[in-house]
Amino acid sequence: MLEKQIERRLVEGVKKRGGLCYKFVSPGHPGVPDRIVIKPDGKVIFVELKTDTGRLSKLQNYTIRELREHGADVRVIWGLDGVSKLLEEVGE
């Protein structure tokens, strides 16, 4: 399955559960996670999506580490199983 299909499943699922799922684009800062998920309770999760066989680049690893060091909740989601697990949490 393609990453864009996994991303579409995440966006649709978050919206169905009453959350928001924004595309994260940060000009001048490559390597940022793909999406910002805002749960119905206001909790914010940065999400990097990968296929089951995908890999994080060095820049993505650096950016994720930097965000986490600043207290951000950053998740790397692998495939549809990972999306399903995150959607369970969003729906809580």
Protein backbone atom coordinates (compact mmCIF):
# COMPACT_ATOMS: atom_id res chain seq x y z
CA MET A 1 0.00 0.00 0.00
CA LEU A 2 1.24 3.49 -0.84
CA GLU A 3 2.00 6.06 1.84
CA LYS A 4 -0.64 8.43 0.42
CA GLN A 5 -3.29 5.71 0.88
CA ILE A 6 -2.19 5.20 4.49
CA GLU A 7 -2.32 8.96 5.01
CA ARG A 8 -5.84 9.15 3.55
CA ARG A 9 -7.00 6.42 5.97
CA LEU A 10 -5.55 8.38 8.89
CA VAL A 11 -7.20 11.66 7.85
CA GLU A 12 -10.61 10.08 7.32
CA GLY A 13 -10.43 8.11 10.56
CA VAL A 14 -9.41 11.09 12.69
CA LYS A 15 -12.21 13.21 11.24
CA LYS A 16 -14.80 10.46 11.89
CA ARG A 17 -13.71 10.43 15.52
CA GLY A 18 -14.17 14.18 15.93
CA GLY A 19 -10.52 15.19 15.64
CA LEU A 20 -8.53 17.29 13.22
CA CYS A 21 -5.75 16.09 10.95
CA TYR A 22 -3.72 18.80 9.25
CA LYS A 23 -0.98 18.39 6.70
CA PHE A 24 2.25 19.70 8.25
CA VAL A 25 4.30 21.74 5.81
CA SER A 26 7.07 23.93 7.18
CA PRO A 27 8.92 25.87 4.47
CA GLY A 28 12.61 25.99 5.23
CA HIS A 29 12.37 23.04 7.63
CA PRO A 30 12.41 19.77 5.68
CA GLY A 31 11.98 16.55 7.62
CA VAL A 32 8.94 17.61 9.66
CA PRO A 33 6.28 14.94 10.30
CA ASP A 34 3.54 14.44 7.71
CA ARG A 35 0.52 15.31 9.84
CA ILE A 36 -0.60 17.11 12.97
CA VAL A 37 -3.43 15.25 14.69
CA ILE A 38 -5.54 17.13 17.22
CA LYS A 39 -7.65 14.79 19.31
CA PRO A 40 -11.16 15.83 20.40
CA ASP A 41 -9.71 16.51 23.89
CA GLY A 42 -7.16 18.95 22.41
CA LYS A 43 -4.10 16.72 22.70
CA VAL A 44 -1.70 17.28 19.78
CA ILE A 45 0.22 14.44 18.12
CA PHE A 46 2.74 14.90 15.32
CA VAL A 47 2.58 11.91 12.97
CA GLU A 48 5.16 10.63 10.49
CA LEU A 49 3.61 8.00 8.23
CA LYS A 50 5.53 5.15 6.63
CA THR A 51 4.64 2.05 4.69
CA ASP A 52 5.38 -1.26 6.41
CA THR A 53 8.75 -1.30 4.67
CA GLY A 54 9.47 2.44 4.73
CA ARG A 55 12.48 4.04 6.41
CA LEU A 56 13.08 7.31 8.20
CA SER A 57 15.70 9.57 6.69
CA LYS A 58 18.50 11.00 8.83
CA LEU A 59 16.80 14.38 8.68
CA GLN A 60 13.47 12.91 9.80
CA ASN A 61 15.16 11.14 12.72
CA TYR A 62 16.86 14.40 13.72
CA THR A 63 13.63 16.41 13.50
CA ILE A 64 11.62 13.84 15.46
CA ARG A 65 14.28 13.78 18.17
CA GLU A 66 14.32 17.60 18.31
CA LEU A 67 10.53 17.80 18.63
CA ARG A 68 10.50 15.16 21.38
CA GLU A 69 13.26 16.97 23.28
CA HIS A 70 10.91 19.96 23.35
CA GLY A 71 8.12 17.87 24.85
CA ALA A 72 6.13 17.13 21.69
CA ASP A 73 4.28 13.85 21.24
CA VAL A 74 5.67 12.52 17.94
CA ARG A 75 4.67 9.15 16.52
CA VAL A 76 6.03 7.18 13.62
CA ILE A 77 3.15 5.14 12.23
CA TRP A 78 3.93 2.06 10.16
CA GLY A 79 1.24 0.89 7.72
CA LEU A 80 -2.47 0.42 8.27
CA ASP A 81 -1.99 -1.49 11.52
CA GLY A 82 -0.25 1.54 12.99
CA VAL A 83 -3.04 3.81 11.77
CA SER A 84 -5.66 1.55 13.37
CA LYS A 85 -3.85 1.69 16.73
CA LEU A 86 -3.60 5.47 16.63
CA LEU A 87 -7.27 5.80 15.66
CA GLU A 88 -8.24 3.72 18.69
CA GLU A 89 -6.41 6.25 20.86
CA VAL A 90 -7.98 9.22 19.06
CA GLY A 91 -11.44 7.75 19.61
CA GLU A 92 -10.96 7.35 23.37
